[in-house]
Amino acid sequence: MDKLTRNILIVLALLILLTPLGLLAAGETFGEWSLEGLKERIGYVPPGMSGLSQLWNAPMPDYGIPGLGDTTIGGTIGYVVSAVVGVLVCIGAVYLLGKLVAKNDDKE
């Protein structure tokens, strides 16, 4: 593993480990409101949001891990798992995009 890759992985690991710091913040996370919370904030629910709200359910609502309940350790583990999944999805997308671009370069 070259030095640049190692340094990038170290930074990503540190950021993943720091994600539970969000649990220390007071209040809700910006933009992660339920339909009821949005209605309280702005007075109504946009029709597009209410129509599409049942289309998708988060696999880990509120970053909770099934079985751990609403505990501090459960939230901490949920944040870290969510960060790891997000990083893996991003790395996978960049990898596949790179393969696609390299494949197109070979054709030319």
PDB file of N, CA and C in Angstrom:
ATOM      1  N   MET A   1       0.849  -1.167   0.000  1.00  0.00           N
ATOM      2  CA  MET A   1       0.000   0.000   0.000  1.00  0.00           C
ATOM      3  C   MET A   1       0.897   1.233   0.000  1.00  0.00           C
ATOM      4  N   ASP A   2       0.614   2.135  -0.924  1.00  0.00           N
ATOM      5  CA  ASP A   2       1.448   3.333  -0.992  1.00  0.00           C
ATOM      6  C   ASP A   2       1.075   4.314   0.127  1.00  0.00           C
ATOM      7  N   LYS A   3       1.918   5.310   0.313  1.00  0.00           N
ATOM      8  CA  LYS A   3       1.779   6.236   1.430  1.00  0.00           C
ATOM      9  C   LYS A   3       0.492   7.057   1.337  1.00  0.00           C
ATOM     10  N   LEU A   4       0.130   7.500   0.139  1.00  0.00           N
ATOM     11  CA  LEU A   4      -1.080   8.305  -0.034  1.00  0.00           C
ATOM     12  C   LEU A   4      -2.324   7.506   0.356  1.00  0.00           C
ATOM     13  N   THR A   5      -2.414   6.279  -0.121  1.00  0.00           N
ATOM     14  CA  THR A   5      -3.567   5.432   0.209  1.00  0.00           C
ATOM     15  C   THR A   5      -3.641   5.180   1.707  1.00  0.00           C
ATOM     16  N   ARG A   6      -2.507   4.912   2.315  1.00  0.00           N
ATOM     17  CA  ARG A   6      -2.465   4.670   3.760  1.00  0.00           C
ATOM     18  C   ARG A   6      -2.936   5.898   4.528  1.00  0.00           C
ATOM     19  N   ASN A   7      -2.473   7.085   4.122  1.00  0.00           N
ATOM     20  CA  ASN A   7      -2.875   8.316   4.803  1.00  0.00           C
ATOM     21  C   ASN A   7      -4.367   8.591   4.632  1.00  0.00           C
ATOM     22  N   ILE A   8      -4.893   8.335   3.443  1.00  0.00           N
ATOM     23  CA  ILE A   8      -6.326   8.529   3.208  1.00  0.00           C
ATOM     24  C   ILE A   8      -7.133   7.584   4.092  1.00  0.00           C
ATOM     25  N   LEU A   9      -6.710   6.338   4.187  1.00  0.00           N
ATOM     26  CA  LEU A   9      -7.420   5.369   5.025  1.00  0.00           C
ATOM     27  C   LEU A   9      -7.348   5.735   6.504  1.00  0.00           C
ATOM     28  N   ILE A  10      -6.226   6.284   6.940  1.00  0.00           N
ATOM     29  CA  ILE A  10      -6.099   6.720   8.332  1.00  0.00           C
ATOM     30  C   ILE A  10      -7.060   7.867   8.620  1.00  0.00           C
ATOM     31  N   VAL A  11      -7.125   8.833   7.715  1.00  0.00           N
ATOM     32  CA  VAL A  11      -8.041   9.967   7.892  1.00  0.00           C
ATOM     33  C   VAL A  11      -9.488   9.480   7.903  1.00  0.00           C
ATOM     34  N   LEU A  12      -9.845   8.590   6.980  1.00  0.00           N
ATOM     35  CA  LEU A  12     -11.205   8.046   6.956  1.00  0.00           C
ATOM     36  C   LEU A  12     -11.528   7.309   8.252  1.00  0.00           C
ATOM     37  N   ALA A  13     -10.588   6.530   8.757  1.00  0.00           N
ATOM     38  CA  ALA A  13     -10.808   5.801  10.006  1.00  0.00           C
ATOM     39  C   ALA A  13     -11.022   6.770  11.172  1.00  0.00           C
ATOM     40  N   LEU A  14     -10.233   7.834  11.222  1.00  0.00           N
ATOM     41  CA  LEU A  14     -10.409   8.830  12.282  1.00  0.00           C
ATOM     42  C   LEU A  14     -11.769   9.508  12.183  1.00  0.00           C
ATOM     43  N   LEU A  15     -12.176   9.865  10.968  1.00  0.00           N
ATOM     44  CA  LEU A  15     -13.485  10.496  10.790  1.00  0.00           C
ATOM     45  C   LEU A  15     -14.612   9.549  11.189  1.00  0.00           C
ATOM     46  N   ILE A  16     -14.467   8.281  10.842  1.00  0.00           N
ATOM     47  CA  ILE A  16     -15.477   7.290  11.232  1.00  0.00           C
ATOM     48  C   ILE A  16     -15.568   7.202  12.754  1.00  0.00           C
ATOM     49  N   LEU A  17     -14.426   7.175  13.416  1.00  0.00           N
ATOM     50  CA  LEU A  17     -14.425   7.069  14.873  1.00  0.00           C
ATOM     51  C   LEU A  17     -14.949   8.333  15.551  1.00  0.00           C
ATOM     52  N   LEU A  18     -14.880   9.474  14.863  1.00  0.00           N
ATOM     53  CA  LEU A  18     -15.365  10.731  15.434  1.00  0.00           C
ATOM     54  C   LEU A  18     -16.853  10.969  15.189  1.00  0.00           C
ATOM     55  N   THR A  19     -17.501  10.161  14.352  1.00  0.00           N
ATOM     56  CA  THR A  19     -18.915  10.407  14.048  1.00  0.00           C
ATOM     57  C   THR A  19     -19.820  10.406  15.274  1.00  0.00           C
ATOM     58  N   PRO A  20     -19.575   9.606  16.307  1.00  0.00           N
ATOM     59  CA  PRO A  20     -20.476   9.667  17.461  1.00  0.00           C
ATOM     60  C   PRO A  20     -20.472  11.007  18.188  1.00  0.00           C
ATOM     61  N   LEU A  21     -19.552  11.897  17.865  1.00  0.00           N
ATOM     62  CA  LEU A  21     -19.577  13.226  18.487  1.00  0.00           C
ATOM     63  C   LEU A  21     -20.883  13.947  18.183  1.00  0.00           C
ATOM     64  N   GLY A  22     -21.544  13.552  17.098  1.00  0.00           N
ATOM     65  CA  GLY A  22     -22.840  14.135  16.768  1.00  0.00           C
ATOM     66  C   GLY A  22     -23.887  13.871  17.834  1.00  0.00           C
ATOM     67  N   LEU A  23     -23.680  12.846  18.639  1.00  0.00           N
ATOM     68  CA  LEU A  23     -24.619  12.550  19.726  1.00  0.00           C
ATOM     69  C   LEU A  23     -24.569  13.605  20.822  1.00  0.00           C
ATOM     70  N   LEU A  24     -23.478  14.342  20.891  1.00  0.00           N
ATOM     71  CA  LEU A  24     -23.340  15.371  21.921  1.00  0.00           C
ATOM     72  C   LEU A  24     -24.104  16.641  21.585  1.00  0.00           C
ATOM     73  N   ALA A  25     -24.453  16.817  20.316  1.00  0.00           N
ATOM     74  CA  ALA A  25     -25.143  18.031  19.886  1.00  0.00           C
ATOM     75  C   ALA A  25     -26.569  18.049  20.435  1.00  0.00           C
ATOM     76  N   ALA A  26     -26.991  19.224  20.846  1.00  0.00           N
ATOM     77  CA  ALA A  26     -28.355  19.374  21.342  1.00  0.00           C
ATOM     78  C   ALA A  26     -29.321  19.520  20.166  1.00  0.00           C
ATOM     79  N   GLY A  27     -30.510  19.005  20.329  1.00  0.00           N
ATOM     80  CA  GLY A  27     -31.529  19.154  19.291  1.00  0.00           C
ATOM     81  C   GLY A  27     -31.393  18.121  18.193  1.00  0.00           C
ATOM     82  N   GLU A  28     -32.127  18.376  17.109  1.00  0.00           N
ATOM     83  CA  GLU A  28     -32.143  17.451  15.980  1.00  0.00           C
ATOM     84  C   GLU A  28     -31.081  17.821  14.964  1.00  0.00           C
ATOM     85  N   THR A  29     -30.735  16.847  14.157  1.00  0.00           N
ATOM     86  CA  THR A  29     -29.809  17.088  13.062  1.00  0.00           C
ATOM     87  C   THR A  29     -30.553  17.813  11.954  1.00  0.00           C
ATOM     88  N   PHE A  30     -29.937  18.818  11.357  1.00  0.00           N
ATOM     89  CA  PHE A  30     -30.593  19.599  10.315  1.00  0.00           C
ATOM     90  C   PHE A  30     -30.989  18.702   9.152  1.00  0.00           C
ATOM     91  N   GLY A  31     -32.241  18.784   8.757  1.00  0.00           N
ATOM     92  CA  GLY A  31     -32.723  18.072   7.581  1.00  0.00           C
ATOM     93  C   GLY A  31     -33.153  16.644   7.824  1.00  0.00           C
ATOM     94  N   GLU A  32     -33.039  16.150   9.047  1.00  0.00           N
ATOM     95  CA  GLU A  32     -33.444  14.775   9.330  1.00  0.00           C
ATOM     96  C   GLU A  32     -34.750  14.745  10.119  1.00  0.00           C
ATOM     97  N   TRP A  33     -35.684  15.602   9.727  1.00  0.00           N
ATOM     98  CA  TRP A  33     -36.938  15.707  10.448  1.00  0.00           C
ATOM     99  C   TRP A  33     -37.957  14.714   9.910  1.00  0.00           C
ATOM    100  N   SER A  34     -38.827  14.274  10.781  1.00  0.00           N
ATOM    101  CA  SER A  34     -39.973  13.470  10.356  1.00  0.00           C
ATOM    102  C   SER A  34     -40.981  14.416   9.709  1.00  0.00           C
ATOM    103  N   LEU A  35     -42.013  13.852   9.097  1.00  0.00           N
ATOM    104  CA  LEU A  35     -43.044  14.705   8.504  1.00  0.00           C
ATOM    105  C   LEU A  35     -43.711  15.562   9.578  1.00  0.00           C
ATOM    106  N   GLU A  36     -43.911  14.990  10.757  1.00  0.00           N
ATOM    107  CA  GLU A  36     -44.520  15.745  11.854  1.00  0.00           C
ATOM    108  C   GLU A  36     -43.594  16.886  12.305  1.00  0.00           C
ATOM    109  N   GLY A  37     -42.305  16.593  12.405  1.00  0.00           N
ATOM    110  CA  GLY A  37     -41.345  17.624  12.791  1.00  0.00           C
ATOM    111  C   GLY A  37     -41.258  18.739  11.770  1.00  0.00           C
ATOM    112  N   LEU A  38     -41.342  18.381  10.499  1.00  0.00           N
ATOM    113  CA  LEU A  38     -41.318  19.389   9.441  1.00  0.00           C
ATOM    114  C   LEU A  38     -42.564  20.258   9.510  1.00  0.00           C
ATOM    115  N   LYS A  39     -43.708  19.625   9.771  1.00  0.00           N
ATOM    116  CA  LYS A  39     -44.959  20.384   9.876  1.00  0.00           C
ATOM    117  C   LYS A  39     -44.893  21.364  11.043  1.00  0.00           C
ATOM    118  N   GLU A  40     -44.277  20.954  12.149  1.00  0.00           N
ATOM    119  CA  GLU A  40     -44.112  21.856  13.291  1.00  0.00           C
ATOM    120  C   GLU A  40     -43.220  23.042  12.938  1.00  0.00           C
ATOM    121  N   ARG A  41     -42.192  22.806  12.124  1.00  0.00           N
ATOM    122  CA  ARG A  41     -41.224  23.856  11.797  1.00  0.00           C
ATOM    123  C   ARG A  41     -41.752  24.855  10.776  1.00  0.00           C
ATOM    124  N   ILE A  42     -42.381  24.360   9.708  1.00  0.00           N
ATOM    125  CA  ILE A  42     -42.777  25.276   8.630  1.00  0.00           C
ATOM    126  C   ILE A  42     -44.289  25.405   8.463  1.00  0.00           C
ATOM    127  N   GLY A  43     -45.052  24.618   9.227  1.00  0.00           N
ATOM    128  CA  GLY A  43     -46.496  24.763   9.207  1.00  0.00           C
ATOM    129  C   GLY A  43     -47.241  23.859   8.238  1.00  0.00           C
ATOM    130  N   TYR A  44     -46.535  23.174   7.371  1.00  0.00           N
ATOM    131  CA  TYR A  44     -47.185  22.251   6.434  1.00  0.00           C
ATOM    132  C   TYR A  44     -46.162  21.230   5.962  1.00  0.00           C
ATOM    133  N   VAL A  45     -46.660  20.206   5.301  1.00  0.00           N
ATOM    134  CA  VAL A  45     -45.786  19.195   4.713  1.00  0.00           C
ATOM    135  C   VAL A  45     -45.904  19.324   3.201  1.00  0.00           C
ATOM    136  N   PRO A  46     -44.805  19.573   2.495  1.00  0.00           N
ATOM    137  CA  PRO A  46     -44.877  19.675   1.038  1.00  0.00           C
ATOM    138  C   PRO A  46     -45.500  18.413   0.441  1.00  0.00           C
ATOM    139  N   PRO A  47     -46.388  18.583  -0.558  1.00  0.00           N
ATOM    140  CA  PRO A  47     -47.096  17.427  -1.123  1.00  0.00           C
ATOM    141  C   PRO A  47     -46.163  16.339  -1.659  1.00  0.00           C
ATOM    142  N   GLY A  48     -45.065  16.716  -2.269  1.00  0.00           N
ATOM    143  CA  GLY A  48     -44.134  15.720  -2.797  1.00  0.00           C
ATOM    144  C   GLY A  48     -43.531  14.864  -1.700  1.00  0.00           C
ATOM    145  N   MET A  49     -43.248  15.481  -0.555  1.00  0.00           N
ATOM    146  CA  MET A  49     -42.672  14.722   0.561  1.00  0.00           C
ATOM    147  C   MET A  49     -43.686  13.774   1.169  1.00  0.00           C
ATOM    148  N   SER A  50     -44.917  14.247   1.333  1.00  0.00           N
ATOM    149  CA  SER A  50     -45.916  13.366   1.944  1.00  0.00           C
ATOM    150  C   SER A  50     -46.272  12.222   1.005  1.00  0.00           C
ATOM    151  N   GLY A  51     -46.254  12.472  -0.300  1.00  0.00           N
ATOM    152  CA  GLY A  51     -46.563  11.426  -1.265  1.00  0.00           C
ATOM    153  C   GLY A  51     -45.482  10.369  -1.364  1.00  0.00           C
ATOM    154  N   LEU A  52     -44.230  10.763  -1.183  1.00  0.00           N
ATOM    155  CA  LEU A  52     -43.112   9.832  -1.326  1.00  0.00           C
ATOM    156  C   LEU A  52     -42.602   9.269   0.000  1.00  0.00           C
ATOM    157  N   SER A  53     -43.165   9.722   1.105  1.00  0.00           N
ATOM    158  CA  SER A  53     -42.619   9.331   2.410  1.00  0.00           C
ATOM    159  C   SER A  53     -42.734   7.835   2.688  1.00  0.00           C
ATOM    160  N   GLN A  54     -43.712   7.168   2.124  1.00  0.00           N
ATOM    161  CA  GLN A  54     -43.870   5.731   2.357  1.00  0.00           C
ATOM    162  C   GLN A  54     -43.085   4.885   1.363  1.00  0.00           C
ATOM    163  N   LEU A  55     -42.478   5.531   0.376  1.00  0.00           N
ATOM    164  CA  LEU A  55     -41.729   4.811  -0.650  1.00  0.00           C
ATOM    165  C   LEU A  55     -40.437   4.210  -0.095  1.00  0.00           C
ATOM    166  N   TRP A  56     -39.828   4.879   0.867  1.00  0.00           N
ATOM    167  CA  TRP A  56     -38.531   4.448   1.391  1.00  0.00           C
ATOM    168  C   TRP A  56     -38.563   4.469   2.910  1.00  0.00           C
ATOM    169  N   ASN A  57     -38.092   3.408   3.507  1.00  0.00           N
ATOM    170  CA  ASN A  57     -37.893   3.352   4.951  1.00  0.00           C
ATOM    171  C   ASN A  57     -36.423   3.065   5.203  1.00  0.00           C
ATOM    172  N   ALA A  58     -35.833   3.851   6.069  1.00  0.00           N
ATOM    173  CA  ALA A  58     -34.405   3.702   6.359  1.00  0.00           C
ATOM    174  C   ALA A  58     -34.127   2.347   6.999  1.00  0.00           C
ATOM    175  N   PRO A  59     -33.028   1.692   6.590  1.00  0.00           N
ATOM    176  CA  PRO A  59     -32.696   0.403   7.206  1.00  0.00           C
ATOM    177  C   PRO A  59     -32.298   0.540   8.675  1.00  0.00           C
ATOM    178  N   MET A  60     -31.784   1.706   9.050  1.00  0.00           N
ATOM    179  CA  MET A  60     -31.407   1.965  10.444  1.00  0.00           C
ATOM    180  C   MET A  60     -32.013   3.298  10.874  1.00  0.00           C
ATOM    181  N   PRO A  61     -33.339   3.353  11.112  1.00  0.00           N
ATOM    182  CA  PRO A  61     -33.936   4.632  11.491  1.00  0.00           C
ATOM    183  C   PRO A  61     -33.292   5.190  12.762  1.00  0.00           C
ATOM    184  N   ASP A  62     -33.008   6.462  12.730  1.00  0.00           N
ATOM    185  CA  ASP A  62     -32.356   7.155  13.854  1.00  0.00           C
ATOM    186  C   ASP A  62     -31.025   6.515  14.239  1.00  0.00           C
ATOM    187  N   TYR A  63     -30.369   5.882  13.281  1.00  0.00           N
ATOM    188  CA  TYR A  63     -29.066   5.241  13.472  1.00  0.00           C
ATOM    189  C   TYR A  63     -29.111   4.131  14.515  1.00  0.00           C
ATOM    190  N   GLY A  64     -30.284   3.590  14.766  1.00  0.00           N
ATOM    191  CA  GLY A  64     -30.432   2.560  15.786  1.00  0.00           C
ATOM    192  C   GLY A  64     -30.064   1.178  15.273  1.00  0.00           C
ATOM    193  N   ILE A  65     -29.470   0.400  16.140  1.00  0.00           N
ATOM    194  CA  ILE A  65     -29.140  -0.993  15.841  1.00  0.00           C
ATOM    195  C   ILE A  65     -30.203  -1.856  16.528  1.00  0.00           C
ATOM    196  N   PRO A  66     -30.917  -2.699  15.757  1.00  0.00           N
ATOM    197  CA  PRO A  66     -31.924  -3.556  16.384  1.00  0.00           C
ATOM    198  C   PRO A  66     -31.302  -4.408  17.496  1.00  0.00           C
ATOM    199  N   GLY A  67     -31.975  -4.439  18.623  1.00  0.00           N
ATOM    200  CA  GLY A  67     -31.492  -5.228  19.749  1.00  0.00           C
ATOM    201  C   GLY A  67     -30.740  -4.412  20.784  1.00  0.00           C
ATOM    202  N   LEU A  68     -30.185  -3.274  20.379  1.00  0.00           N
ATOM    203  CA  LEU A  68     -29.444  -2.449  21.343  1.00  0.00           C
ATOM    204  C   LEU A  68     -30.322  -1.381  21.974  1.00  0.00           C
ATOM    205  N   GLY A  69     -31.496  -1.165  21.404  1.00  0.00           N
ATOM    206  CA  GLY A  69     -32.411  -0.187  21.960  1.00  0.00           C
ATOM    207  C   GLY A  69     -31.908   1.236  21.782  1.00  0.00           C
ATOM    208  N   ASP A  70     -32.523   2.129  22.532  1.00  0.00           N
ATOM    209  CA  ASP A  70     -32.200   3.554  22.437  1.00  0.00           C
ATOM    210  C   ASP A  70     -31.197   3.932  23.528  1.00  0.00           C
ATOM    211  N   THR A  71     -30.070   3.239  23.542  1.00  0.00           N
ATOM    212  CA  THR A  71     -29.041   3.495  24.546  1.00  0.00           C
ATOM    213  C   THR A  71     -27.906   4.305  23.929  1.00  0.00           C
ATOM    214  N   THR A  72     -27.065   4.850  24.764  1.00  0.00           N
ATOM    215  CA  THR A  72     -25.917   5.615  24.271  1.00  0.00           C
ATOM    216  C   THR A  72     -24.976   4.726  23.472  1.00  0.00           C
ATOM    217  N   ILE A  73     -24.722   3.532  23.965  1.00  0.00           N
ATOM    218  CA  ILE A  73     -23.817   2.631  23.243  1.00  0.00           C
ATOM    219  C   ILE A  73     -24.451   2.196  21.928  1.00  0.00           C
ATOM    220  N   GLY A  74     -25.768   1.997  21.927  1.00  0.00           N
ATOM    221  CA  GLY A  74     -26.463   1.643  20.687  1.00  0.00           C
ATOM    222  C   GLY A  74     -26.367   2.751  19.658  1.00  0.00           C
ATOM    223  N   GLY A  75     -26.544   3.999  20.104  1.00  0.00           N
ATOM    224  CA  GLY A  75     -26.419   5.134  19.195  1.00  0.00           C
ATOM    225  C   GLY A  75     -25.006   5.299  18.677  1.00  0.00           C
ATOM    226  N   THR A  76     -24.038   5.095  19.558  1.00  0.00           N
ATOM    227  CA  THR A  76     -22.632   5.205  19.152  1.00  0.00           C
ATOM    228  C   THR A  76     -22.288   4.155  18.104  1.00  0.00           C
ATOM    229  N   ILE A  77     -22.672   2.917  18.364  1.00  0.00           N
ATOM    230  CA  ILE A  77     -22.402   1.848  17.399  1.00  0.00           C
ATOM    231  C   ILE A  77     -23.153   2.117  16.099  1.00  0.00           C
ATOM    232  N   GLY A  78     -24.382   2.604  16.204  1.00  0.00           N
ATOM    233  CA  GLY A  78     -25.164   2.929  15.013  1.00  0.00           C
ATOM    234  C   GLY A  78     -24.505   3.996  14.156  1.00  0.00           C
ATOM    235  N   TYR A  79     -23.981   5.030  14.787  1.00  0.00           N
ATOM    236  CA  TYR A  79     -23.281   6.085  14.043  1.00  0.00           C
ATOM    237  C   TYR A  79     -22.056   5.527  13.330  1.00  0.00           C
ATOM    238  N   VAL A  80     -21.283   4.712  14.029  1.00  0.00           N
ATOM    239  CA  VAL A  80     -20.065   4.155  13.433  1.00  0.00           C
ATOM    240  C   VAL A  80     -20.412   3.207  12.287  1.00  0.00           C
ATOM    241  N   VAL A  81     -21.398   2.346  12.480  1.00  0.00           N
ATOM    242  CA  VAL A  81     -21.812   1.429  11.410  1.00  0.00           C
ATOM    243  C   VAL A  81     -22.308   2.217  10.205  1.00  0.00           C
ATOM    244  N   SER A  82     -23.089   3.255  10.456  1.00  0.00           N
ATOM    245  CA  SER A  82     -23.580   4.095   9.369  1.00  0.00           C
ATOM    246  C   SER A  82     -22.431   4.752   8.608  1.00  0.00           C
ATOM    247  N   ALA A  83     -21.429   5.229   9.331  1.00  0.00           N
ATOM    248  CA  ALA A  83     -20.266   5.849   8.686  1.00  0.00           C
ATOM    249  C   ALA A  83     -19.486   4.834   7.862  1.00  0.00           C
ATOM    250  N   VAL A  84     -19.295   3.635   8.399  1.00  0.00           N
ATOM    251  CA  VAL A  84     -18.564   2.594   7.663  1.00  0.00           C
ATOM    252  C   VAL A  84     -19.312   2.229   6.387  1.00  0.00           C
ATOM    253  N   VAL A  85     -20.624   2.046   6.491  1.00  0.00           N
ATOM    254  CA  VAL A  85     -21.422   1.715   5.305  1.00  0.00           C
ATOM    255  C   VAL A  85     -21.338   2.844   4.280  1.00  0.00           C
ATOM    256  N   GLY A  86     -21.442   4.088   4.735  1.00  0.00           N
ATOM    257  CA  GLY A  86     -21.345   5.220   3.818  1.00  0.00           C
ATOM    258  C   GLY A  86     -20.004   5.288   3.109  1.00  0.00           C
ATOM    259  N   VAL A  87     -18.933   5.069   3.845  1.00  0.00           N
ATOM    260  CA  VAL A  87     -17.593   5.082   3.240  1.00  0.00           C
ATOM    261  C   VAL A  87     -17.455   3.945   2.236  1.00  0.00           C
ATOM    262  N   LEU A  88     -17.938   2.756   2.593  1.00  0.00           N
ATOM    263  CA  LEU A  88     -17.842   1.618   1.672  1.00  0.00           C
ATOM    264  C   LEU A  88     -18.658   1.842   0.404  1.00  0.00           C
ATOM    265  N   VAL A  89     -19.832   2.440   0.536  1.00  0.00           N
ATOM    266  CA  VAL A  89     -20.648   2.742  -0.647  1.00  0.00           C
ATOM    267  C   VAL A  89     -19.926   3.749  -1.537  1.00  0.00           C
ATOM    268  N   CYS A  90     -19.346   4.787  -0.935  1.00  0.00           N
ATOM    269  CA  CYS A  90     -18.611   5.793  -1.726  1.00  0.00           C
ATOM    270  C   CYS A  90     -17.391   5.183  -2.409  1.00  0.00           C
ATOM    271  N   ILE A  91     -16.631   4.386  -1.682  1.00  0.00           N
ATOM    272  CA  ILE A  91     -15.452   3.740  -2.276  1.00  0.00           C
ATOM    273  C   ILE A  91     -15.879   2.817  -3.412  1.00  0.00           C
ATOM    274  N   GLY A  92     -16.945   2.063  -3.197  1.00  0.00           N
ATOM    275  CA  GLY A  92     -17.445   1.170  -4.243  1.00  0.00           C
ATOM    276  C   GLY A  92     -17.896   1.925  -5.478  1.00  0.00           C
ATOM    277  N   ALA A  93     -18.591   3.049  -5.276  1.00  0.00           N
ATOM    278  CA  ALA A  93     -19.057   3.847  -6.411  1.00  0.00           C
ATOM    279  C   ALA A  93     -17.884   4.428  -7.192  1.00  0.00           C
ATOM    280  N   VAL A  94     -16.885   4.944  -6.489  1.00  0.00           N
ATOM    281  CA  VAL A  94     -15.705   5.498  -7.163  1.00  0.00           C
ATOM    282  C   VAL A  94     -14.948   4.398  -7.894  1.00  0.00           C
ATOM    283  N   TYR A  95     -14.837   3.229  -7.282  1.00  0.00           N
ATOM    284  CA  TYR A  95     -14.150   2.098  -7.912  1.00  0.00           C
ATOM    285  C   TYR A  95     -14.861   1.694  -9.206  1.00  0.00           C
ATOM    286  N   LEU A  96     -16.182   1.536  -9.143  1.00  0.00           N
ATOM    287  CA  LEU A  96     -16.941   1.148 -10.337  1.00  0.00           C
ATOM    288  C   LEU A  96     -16.878   2.220 -11.419  1.00  0.00           C
ATOM    289  N   LEU A  97     -16.946   3.475 -11.020  1.00  0.00           N
ATOM    290  CA  LEU A  97     -16.830   4.568 -11.985  1.00  0.00           C
ATOM    291  C   LEU A  97     -15.455   4.558 -12.633  1.00  0.00           C
ATOM    292  N   GLY A  98     -14.414   4.318 -11.846  1.00  0.00           N
ATOM    293  CA  GLY A  98     -13.058   4.227 -12.390  1.00  0.00           C
ATOM    294  C   GLY A  98     -12.922   3.091 -13.380  1.00  0.00           C
ATOM    295  N   LYS A  99     -13.507   1.938 -13.048  1.00  0.00           N
ATOM    296  CA  LYS A  99     -13.478   0.802 -13.976  1.00  0.00           C
ATOM    297  C   LYS A  99     -14.204   1.139 -15.272  1.00  0.00           C
ATOM    298  N   LEU A 100     -15.334   1.821 -15.167  1.00  0.00           N
ATOM    299  CA  LEU A 100     -16.109   2.194 -16.347  1.00  0.00           C
ATOM    300  C   LEU A 100     -15.337   3.174 -17.222  1.00  0.00           C
ATOM    301  N   VAL A 101     -14.703   4.156 -16.606  1.00  0.00           N
ATOM    302  CA  VAL A 101     -13.912   5.134 -17.360  1.00  0.00           C
ATOM    303  C   VAL A 101     -12.711   4.453 -18.000  1.00  0.00           C
ATOM    304  N   ALA A 102     -12.037   3.581 -17.274  1.00  0.00           N
ATOM    305  CA  ALA A 102     -10.875   2.873 -17.823  1.00  0.00           C
ATOM    306  C   ALA A 102     -11.289   1.978 -18.984  1.00  0.00           C
ATOM    307  N   LYS A 103     -12.438   1.364 -18.875  1.00  0.00           N
ATOM    308  CA  LYS A 103     -12.939   0.502 -19.948  1.00  0.00           C
ATOM    309  C   LYS A 103     -13.217   1.326 -21.208  1.00  0.00           C
ATOM    310  N   ASN A 104     -13.790   2.516 -21.029  1.00  0.00           N
ATOM    311  CA  ASN A 104     -14.063   3.394 -22.171  1.00  0.00           C
ATOM    312  C   ASN A 104     -12.776   3.933 -22.784  1.00  0.00           C
ATOM    313  N   ASP A 105     -11.748   4.173 -21.966  1.00  0.00           N
ATOM    314  CA  ASP A 105     -10.462   4.642 -22.490  1.00  0.00           C
ATOM    315  C   ASP A 105      -9.789   3.569 -23.335  1.00  0.00           C
ATOM    316  N   ASP A 106      -9.963   2.308 -22.958  1.00  0.00           N
ATOM    317  CA  ASP A 106      -9.369   1.202 -23.717  1.00  0.00           C
ATOM    318  C   ASP A 106      -9.994   1.068 -25.099  1.00  0.00           C
ATOM    319  N   LYS A 107     -11.262   1.435 -25.237  1.00  0.00           N
ATOM    320  CA  LYS A 107     -11.952   1.316 -26.519  1.00  0.00           C
ATOM    321  C   LYS A 107     -11.472   2.355 -27.525  1.00  0.00           C
ATOM    322  N   GLU A 108     -10.986   3.473 -27.034  1.00  0.00           N
ATOM    323  CA  GLU A 108     -10.585   4.566 -27.935  1.00  0.00           C
ATOM    324  C   GLU A 108      -9.231   4.379 -28.498  1.00  0.00           C
TER     325      GLU A 108
END
